[in-house]
Amino acid sequence: MKIAIASGKGGTGKTSLSVNLASFLAKKQEIVLVDLDVEEPNSGIFIEGELIHSENKHKMIPEWIPDNCTLCGICQKVCNFHAVIKMGTRIMVFPQLSGNRSDQRCRFCDFGYRTDSFRISRFDIGGGNNERVREKNRSCHQ
């Protein structure tokens, strides 16, 4: 038997349900609990078990360089993830919307490289670097 518990929204109780269901089923049979949350895999906090496999993941996030930007707005038009928005004399970047893996780049990243108006940085996901991404997003809204 395989059971999947999934939702795109945070805070819905996926981890709580998964851990409790795994604990209950483990009383009668051997089970495997797989936590595929790349940002906050927290099942290990609530249940004792052996970690069999762990993998570091990252995403590529554009950073706007105002001094090199002409504010033409092309970045907003070509970003497949709608992670870049021109608002008046500023470009806002939403890291949460950027491609999830290094192979999920849109034409925007290539455009940003050519114009030097953006720097594409690698950010590790999970395990503590999330606060850096959240902080960058907060600074966009100020």
N, C-alpha and C. Protein backbone atom coordinates (compact mmCIF):
# COMPACT_ATOMS: atom_id res chain seq x y z
N MET A 1 0.84 -1.17 0.00
CA MET A 1 0.00 0.00 0.00
C MET A 1 0.89 1.24 0.00
N LYS A 2 0.53 2.23 -0.81
CA LYS A 2 1.22 3.51 -0.84
C LYS A 2 0.19 4.60 -0.57
N ILE A 3 0.54 5.52 0.33
CA ILE A 3 -0.34 6.63 0.67
C ILE A 3 0.44 7.92 0.45
N ALA A 4 -0.13 8.86 -0.29
CA ALA A 4 0.50 10.16 -0.51
C ALA A 4 -0.37 11.25 0.11
N ILE A 5 0.26 12.15 0.83
CA ILE A 5 -0.43 13.29 1.42
C ILE A 5 0.23 14.53 0.84
N ALA A 6 -0.54 15.30 0.07
CA ALA A 6 0.06 16.43 -0.64
C ALA A 6 -0.89 17.63 -0.66
N SER A 7 -0.29 18.81 -0.71
CA SER A 7 -1.02 20.06 -0.86
C SER A 7 0.01 21.13 -1.17
N GLY A 8 -0.34 22.09 -2.00
CA GLY A 8 0.57 23.18 -2.31
C GLY A 8 0.60 24.25 -1.25
N LYS A 9 -0.35 24.22 -0.34
CA LYS A 9 -0.45 25.25 0.69
C LYS A 9 0.25 24.80 1.97
N GLY A 10 0.98 25.68 2.57
CA GLY A 10 1.64 25.39 3.84
C GLY A 10 0.67 25.50 5.00
N GLY A 11 1.00 24.82 6.09
CA GLY A 11 0.21 24.95 7.31
C GLY A 11 -1.10 24.19 7.31
N THR A 12 -1.25 23.22 6.43
CA THR A 12 -2.51 22.47 6.36
C THR A 12 -2.47 21.19 7.19
N GLY A 13 -1.34 20.87 7.78
CA GLY A 13 -1.25 19.69 8.63
C GLY A 13 -0.73 18.44 7.93
N LYS A 14 -0.10 18.61 6.79
CA LYS A 14 0.42 17.45 6.05
C LYS A 14 1.43 16.66 6.87
N THR A 15 2.37 17.34 7.49
CA THR A 15 3.39 16.66 8.29
C THR A 15 2.76 16.00 9.51
N SER A 16 1.89 16.70 10.20
CA SER A 16 1.23 16.12 11.38
C SER A 16 0.45 14.87 11.02
N LEU A 17 -0.32 14.93 9.95
CA LEU A 17 -1.10 13.77 9.52
C LEU A 17 -0.17 12.63 9.12
N SER A 18 0.86 12.94 8.35
CA SER A 18 1.80 11.91 7.87
C SER A 18 2.48 11.19 9.03
N VAL A 19 2.97 11.96 9.98
CA VAL A 19 3.70 11.38 11.12
C VAL A 19 2.76 10.53 11.98
N ASN A 20 1.56 11.01 12.24
CA ASN A 20 0.62 10.25 13.05
C ASN A 20 0.14 8.99 12.34
N LEU A 21 -0.11 9.09 11.05
CA LEU A 21 -0.52 7.92 10.29
C LEU A 21 0.62 6.89 10.24
N ALA A 22 1.83 7.36 10.03
CA ALA A 22 2.99 6.45 10.01
C ALA A 22 3.18 5.78 11.36
N SER A 23 3.03 6.51 12.43
CA SER A 23 3.16 5.93 13.77
C SER A 23 2.10 4.87 14.02
N PHE A 24 0.89 5.15 13.61
CA PHE A 24 -0.21 4.20 13.80
C PHE A 24 0.04 2.92 12.99
N LEU A 25 0.38 3.07 11.72
CA LEU A 25 0.60 1.91 10.85
C LEU A 25 1.83 1.10 11.26
N ALA A 26 2.81 1.77 11.84
CA ALA A 26 4.05 1.09 12.24
C ALA A 26 3.82 0.10 13.38
N LYS A 27 2.69 0.21 14.08
CA LYS A 27 2.38 -0.73 15.16
C LYS A 27 2.06 -2.12 14.61
N LYS A 28 1.63 -2.20 13.36
CA LYS A 28 1.21 -3.47 12.78
C LYS A 28 2.10 -3.95 11.64
N GLN A 29 2.87 -3.06 11.04
CA GLN A 29 3.70 -3.45 9.91
C GLN A 29 4.87 -2.48 9.76
N GLU A 30 5.87 -2.91 9.01
CA GLU A 30 7.01 -2.04 8.74
C GLU A 30 6.58 -0.99 7.72
N ILE A 31 6.95 0.25 7.98
CA ILE A 31 6.56 1.33 7.07
C ILE A 31 7.77 2.17 6.69
N VAL A 32 7.61 2.93 5.62
CA VAL A 32 8.61 3.89 5.19
C VAL A 32 7.91 5.24 5.07
N LEU A 33 8.40 6.22 5.80
CA LEU A 33 7.86 7.58 5.73
C LEU A 33 8.83 8.42 4.90
N VAL A 34 8.33 8.98 3.81
CA VAL A 34 9.16 9.80 2.92
C VAL A 34 8.65 11.24 2.98
N ASP A 35 9.50 12.16 3.41
CA ASP A 35 9.15 13.57 3.49
C ASP A 35 9.82 14.28 2.32
N LEU A 36 9.04 14.65 1.32
CA LEU A 36 9.58 15.26 0.11
C LEU A 36 9.46 16.78 0.10
N ASP A 37 9.21 17.38 1.23
CA ASP A 37 9.13 18.83 1.33
C ASP A 37 10.54 19.40 1.21
N VAL A 38 10.83 20.08 0.10
CA VAL A 38 12.19 20.57 -0.14
C VAL A 38 12.53 21.79 0.71
N GLU A 39 11.53 22.49 1.21
CA GLU A 39 11.82 23.68 2.00
C GLU A 39 11.92 23.38 3.49
N GLU A 40 11.02 22.60 4.02
CA GLU A 40 11.00 22.31 5.46
C GLU A 40 10.64 20.85 5.71
N PRO A 41 11.53 19.90 5.45
CA PRO A 41 11.23 18.50 5.73
C PRO A 41 11.33 18.22 7.24
N ASN A 42 10.21 18.35 7.93
CA ASN A 42 10.21 18.33 9.39
C ASN A 42 9.75 17.02 10.01
N SER A 43 9.47 15.99 9.25
CA SER A 43 8.94 14.77 9.85
C SER A 43 9.91 14.17 10.86
N GLY A 44 11.20 14.34 10.65
CA GLY A 44 12.20 13.81 11.57
C GLY A 44 12.16 14.44 12.95
N ILE A 45 11.53 15.59 13.07
CA ILE A 45 11.40 16.25 14.37
C ILE A 45 10.38 15.50 15.24
N PHE A 46 9.38 14.93 14.59
CA PHE A 46 8.25 14.35 15.31
C PHE A 46 8.29 12.84 15.47
N ILE A 47 9.17 12.18 14.74
CA ILE A 47 9.17 10.72 14.77
C ILE A 47 10.61 10.22 14.79
N GLU A 48 10.83 9.14 15.54
CA GLU A 48 12.16 8.54 15.56
C GLU A 48 12.26 7.57 14.39
N GLY A 49 13.38 7.59 13.74
CA GLY A 49 13.58 6.69 12.62
C GLY A 49 14.98 6.85 12.07
N GLU A 50 15.29 6.04 11.12
CA GLU A 50 16.61 6.08 10.51
C GLU A 50 16.54 6.86 9.20
N LEU A 51 17.37 7.88 9.06
CA LEU A 51 17.45 8.64 7.82
C LEU A 51 18.21 7.80 6.80
N ILE A 52 17.56 7.43 5.74
CA ILE A 52 18.16 6.56 4.73
C ILE A 52 18.78 7.38 3.60
N HIS A 53 18.12 8.49 3.23
CA HIS A 53 18.61 9.28 2.10
C HIS A 53 18.25 10.74 2.30
N SER A 54 19.19 11.60 1.99
CA SER A 54 18.96 13.04 2.04
C SER A 54 19.70 13.66 0.85
N GLU A 55 19.12 14.68 0.27
CA GLU A 55 19.71 15.29 -0.91
C GLU A 55 19.58 16.81 -0.83
N ASN A 56 20.65 17.53 -1.08
CA ASN A 56 20.61 18.99 -1.11
C ASN A 56 20.02 19.45 -2.43
N LYS A 57 19.16 20.45 -2.38
CA LYS A 57 18.53 21.01 -3.58
C LYS A 57 18.78 22.51 -3.60
N HIS A 58 18.69 23.10 -4.77
CA HIS A 58 18.88 24.54 -4.89
C HIS A 58 17.98 25.09 -5.98
N LYS A 59 17.88 26.39 -5.99
CA LYS A 59 17.19 27.06 -7.08
C LYS A 59 18.00 28.28 -7.48
N MET A 60 17.86 28.66 -8.73
CA MET A 60 18.57 29.82 -9.25
C MET A 60 17.63 31.03 -9.15
N ILE A 61 18.12 32.09 -8.50
CA ILE A 61 17.29 33.26 -8.24
C ILE A 61 17.96 34.50 -8.83
N PRO A 62 17.22 35.26 -9.63
CA PRO A 62 17.77 36.49 -10.20
C PRO A 62 17.83 37.60 -9.16
N GLU A 63 18.90 38.38 -9.21
CA GLU A 63 19.04 39.56 -8.35
C GLU A 63 19.21 40.77 -9.26
N TRP A 64 18.40 41.78 -9.06
CA TRP A 64 18.41 42.98 -9.89
C TRP A 64 19.61 43.86 -9.55
N ILE A 65 20.28 44.36 -10.57
CA ILE A 65 21.40 45.29 -10.41
C ILE A 65 20.96 46.62 -11.02
N PRO A 66 20.43 47.53 -10.20
CA PRO A 66 19.82 48.78 -10.70
C PRO A 66 20.74 49.62 -11.58
N ASP A 67 22.02 49.70 -11.23
CA ASP A 67 22.93 50.57 -11.98
C ASP A 67 23.09 50.14 -13.44
N ASN A 68 22.85 48.87 -13.75
CA ASN A 68 23.02 48.36 -15.12
C ASN A 68 21.70 48.25 -15.87
N CYS A 69 20.61 48.66 -15.26
CA CYS A 69 19.28 48.45 -15.82
C CYS A 69 18.76 49.70 -16.52
N THR A 70 18.15 49.51 -17.70
CA THR A 70 17.55 50.63 -18.44
C THR A 70 16.05 50.74 -18.17
N LEU A 71 15.50 49.83 -17.34
CA LEU A 71 14.08 49.79 -17.01
C LEU A 71 13.20 49.63 -18.25
N CYS A 72 13.67 48.84 -19.22
CA CYS A 72 12.92 48.62 -20.46
C CYS A 72 11.71 47.72 -20.24
N GLY A 73 11.73 46.87 -19.18
CA GLY A 73 10.59 46.01 -18.88
C GLY A 73 10.60 44.67 -19.58
N ILE A 74 11.62 44.42 -20.40
CA ILE A 74 11.68 43.14 -21.12
C ILE A 74 11.77 41.97 -20.14
N CYS A 75 12.45 42.16 -19.02
CA CYS A 75 12.60 41.09 -18.04
C CYS A 75 11.24 40.56 -17.59
N GLN A 76 10.29 41.45 -17.38
CA GLN A 76 8.95 41.05 -16.96
C GLN A 76 8.26 40.26 -18.06
N LYS A 77 8.46 40.65 -19.29
CA LYS A 77 7.79 39.99 -20.41
C LYS A 77 8.33 38.58 -20.67
N VAL A 78 9.62 38.36 -20.44
CA VAL A 78 10.21 37.07 -20.82
C VAL A 78 10.33 36.08 -19.66
N CYS A 79 10.07 36.48 -18.43
CA CYS A 79 10.19 35.55 -17.30
C CYS A 79 9.00 34.59 -17.30
N ASN A 80 9.28 33.32 -17.59
CA ASN A 80 8.23 32.29 -17.64
C ASN A 80 7.56 32.05 -16.30
N PHE A 81 8.24 32.40 -15.21
CA PHE A 81 7.73 32.10 -13.88
C PHE A 81 7.02 33.30 -13.25
N HIS A 82 6.97 34.42 -13.97
CA HIS A 82 6.35 35.66 -13.45
C HIS A 82 6.98 36.06 -12.11
N ALA A 83 8.28 35.84 -12.01
CA ALA A 83 9.01 36.14 -10.78
C ALA A 83 9.63 37.53 -10.81
N VAL A 84 9.55 38.22 -11.95
CA VAL A 84 10.17 39.53 -12.11
C VAL A 84 9.10 40.50 -12.60
N ILE A 85 8.96 41.62 -11.87
CA ILE A 85 7.94 42.60 -12.22
C ILE A 85 8.56 43.99 -12.20
N LYS A 86 8.30 44.77 -13.26
CA LYS A 86 8.74 46.16 -13.30
C LYS A 86 7.63 47.02 -12.67
N MET A 87 8.01 47.78 -11.66
CA MET A 87 7.05 48.67 -10.99
C MET A 87 7.67 50.06 -10.93
N GLY A 88 7.28 50.89 -11.85
CA GLY A 88 7.82 52.25 -11.90
C GLY A 88 9.31 52.23 -12.19
N THR A 89 10.09 52.73 -11.25
CA THR A 89 11.54 52.80 -11.44
C THR A 89 12.26 51.67 -10.71
N ARG A 90 11.52 50.61 -10.39
CA ARG A 90 12.12 49.46 -9.68
C ARG A 90 11.74 48.16 -10.38
N ILE A 91 12.60 47.19 -10.21
CA ILE A 91 12.31 45.83 -10.64
C ILE A 91 12.20 45.00 -9.38
N MET A 92 11.07 44.32 -9.22
CA MET A 92 10.87 43.46 -8.05
C MET A 92 11.08 42.00 -8.47
N VAL A 93 11.79 41.27 -7.63
CA VAL A 93 12.05 39.85 -7.88
C VAL A 93 11.42 39.05 -6.75
N PHE A 94 10.64 38.06 -7.11
CA PHE A 94 9.98 37.19 -6.13
C PHE A 94 10.64 35.82 -6.18
N PRO A 95 11.57 35.56 -5.24
CA PRO A 95 12.35 34.32 -5.26
C PRO A 95 11.49 33.06 -5.21
N GLN A 96 10.34 33.11 -4.53
CA GLN A 96 9.50 31.93 -4.40
C GLN A 96 8.96 31.48 -5.75
N LEU A 97 8.86 32.38 -6.70
CA LEU A 97 8.30 32.05 -8.01
C LEU A 97 9.35 31.61 -9.02
N SER A 98 10.62 31.82 -8.71
CA SER A 98 11.68 31.46 -9.65
C SER A 98 11.70 29.96 -9.87
N GLY A 99 12.32 29.52 -10.97
CA GLY A 99 12.41 28.09 -11.28
C GLY A 99 12.94 27.30 -10.10
N ASN A 100 12.44 26.09 -9.94
CA ASN A 100 12.79 25.28 -8.78
C ASN A 100 14.15 24.61 -8.89
N ARG A 101 14.63 24.39 -10.10
CA ARG A 101 15.92 23.72 -10.26
C ARG A 101 16.74 24.50 -11.27
N SER A 102 18.03 24.20 -11.28
CA SER A 102 18.92 24.92 -12.19
C SER A 102 18.57 24.66 -13.64
N ASP A 103 17.89 23.53 -13.95
CA ASP A 103 17.53 23.25 -15.34
C ASP A 103 16.18 23.86 -15.72
N GLN A 104 15.54 24.58 -14.81
CA GLN A 104 14.28 25.24 -15.10
C GLN A 104 14.49 26.73 -15.27
N ARG A 105 15.35 27.09 -16.19
CA ARG A 105 15.59 28.51 -16.43
C ARG A 105 14.75 28.97 -17.60
N CYS A 106 14.29 30.19 -17.52
CA CYS A 106 13.53 30.75 -18.63
C CYS A 106 14.43 31.69 -19.43
N ARG A 107 13.88 32.28 -20.45
CA ARG A 107 14.67 33.20 -21.29
C ARG A 107 15.13 34.41 -20.50
N PHE A 108 14.42 34.75 -19.44
CA PHE A 108 14.79 35.90 -18.64
C PHE A 108 16.22 35.79 -18.12
N CYS A 109 16.55 34.61 -17.58
CA CYS A 109 17.88 34.45 -17.00
C CYS A 109 18.96 34.73 -18.04
N ASP A 110 18.74 34.24 -19.26
CA ASP A 110 19.71 34.49 -20.33
C ASP A 110 19.75 35.98 -20.68
N PHE A 111 18.60 36.63 -20.71
CA PHE A 111 18.53 38.06 -20.98
C PHE A 111 19.29 38.84 -19.90
N GLY A 112 19.05 38.47 -18.66
CA GLY A 112 19.71 39.15 -17.54
C GLY A 112 21.22 39.04 -17.60
N TYR A 113 21.71 37.87 -18.01
CA TYR A 113 23.15 37.69 -18.15
C TYR A 113 23.72 38.62 -19.23
N ARG A 114 23.02 38.74 -20.34
CA ARG A 114 23.53 39.55 -21.46
C ARG A 114 23.57 41.03 -21.14
N THR A 115 22.60 41.53 -20.41
CA THR A 115 22.52 42.96 -20.15
C THR A 115 23.25 43.38 -18.88
N ASP A 116 23.67 42.42 -18.08
CA ASP A 116 24.30 42.70 -16.78
C ASP A 116 23.37 43.43 -15.83
N SER A 117 22.06 43.40 -16.10
CA SER A 117 21.10 44.04 -15.21
C SER A 117 20.63 43.07 -14.12
N PHE A 118 20.99 41.81 -14.26
CA PHE A 118 20.66 40.81 -13.26
C PHE A 118 21.85 39.89 -13.04
N ARG A 119 21.97 39.44 -11.83
CA ARG A 119 22.95 38.41 -11.47
C ARG A 119 22.12 37.21 -11.03
N ILE A 120 22.44 36.04 -11.54
CA ILE A 120 21.70 34.83 -11.18
C ILE A 120 22.51 34.11 -10.10
N SER A 121 21.92 33.95 -8.93
CA SER A 121 22.61 33.34 -7.79
C SER A 121 21.98 32.01 -7.43
N ARG A 122 22.80 31.11 -6.99
CA ARG A 122 22.32 29.81 -6.53
C ARG A 122 21.99 29.91 -5.04
N PHE A 123 20.79 29.51 -4.68
CA PHE A 123 20.36 29.49 -3.29
C PHE A 123 19.98 28.06 -2.92
N ASP A 124 20.60 27.55 -1.86
CA ASP A 124 20.25 26.23 -1.38
C ASP A 124 18.87 26.30 -0.74
N ILE A 125 18.09 25.26 -0.91
CA ILE A 125 16.74 25.20 -0.37
C ILE A 125 16.74 24.26 0.83
N GLY A 126 16.05 24.67 1.88
CA GLY A 126 15.94 23.84 3.07
C GLY A 126 17.15 23.97 3.96
N GLY A 127 17.00 23.59 5.19
CA GLY A 127 18.11 23.54 6.12
C GLY A 127 18.71 24.87 6.51
N GLY A 128 17.95 25.98 6.45
CA GLY A 128 18.46 27.21 7.03
C GLY A 128 18.60 28.38 6.07
N ASN A 129 18.78 28.15 4.77
CA ASN A 129 18.93 29.27 3.85
C ASN A 129 17.60 29.89 3.47
N ASN A 130 16.49 29.30 3.92
CA ASN A 130 15.19 29.86 3.60
C ASN A 130 15.03 31.27 4.13
N GLU A 131 15.58 31.55 5.29
CA GLU A 131 15.45 32.88 5.88
C GLU A 131 16.09 33.92 4.98
N ARG A 132 17.19 33.57 4.31
CA ARG A 132 17.85 34.51 3.40
C ARG A 132 16.92 34.85 2.24
N VAL A 133 16.23 33.83 1.70
CA VAL A 133 15.29 34.07 0.60
C VAL A 133 14.12 34.90 1.10
N ARG A 134 13.57 34.59 2.28
CA ARG A 134 12.46 35.37 2.82
C ARG A 134 12.87 36.82 3.05
N GLU A 135 14.08 37.02 3.55
CA GLU A 135 14.58 38.37 3.81
C GLU A 135 14.70 39.15 2.51
N LYS A 136 15.18 38.50 1.45
CA LYS A 136 15.29 39.17 0.16
C LYS A 136 13.91 39.59 -0.33
N ASN A 137 12.90 38.73 -0.16
CA ASN A 137 11.56 39.07 -0.60
C ASN A 137 11.00 40.22 0.21
N ARG A 138 11.23 40.25 1.51
CA ARG A 138 10.74 41.36 2.33
C ARG A 138 11.36 42.67 1.87
N SER A 139 12.63 42.66 1.50
CA SER A 139 13.30 43.90 1.10
C SER A 139 12.71 44.43 -0.22
N CYS A 140 12.15 43.56 -1.05
CA CYS A 140 11.53 43.99 -2.30
C CYS A 140 10.28 44.82 -2.04
N HIS A 141 9.61 44.55 -0.91
CA HIS A 141 8.34 45.21 -0.64
C HIS A 141 8.51 46.52 0.13
N GLN A 142 9.72 46.88 0.47
CA GLN A 142 9.95 48.11 1.24
C GLN A 142 10.08 49.32 0.34
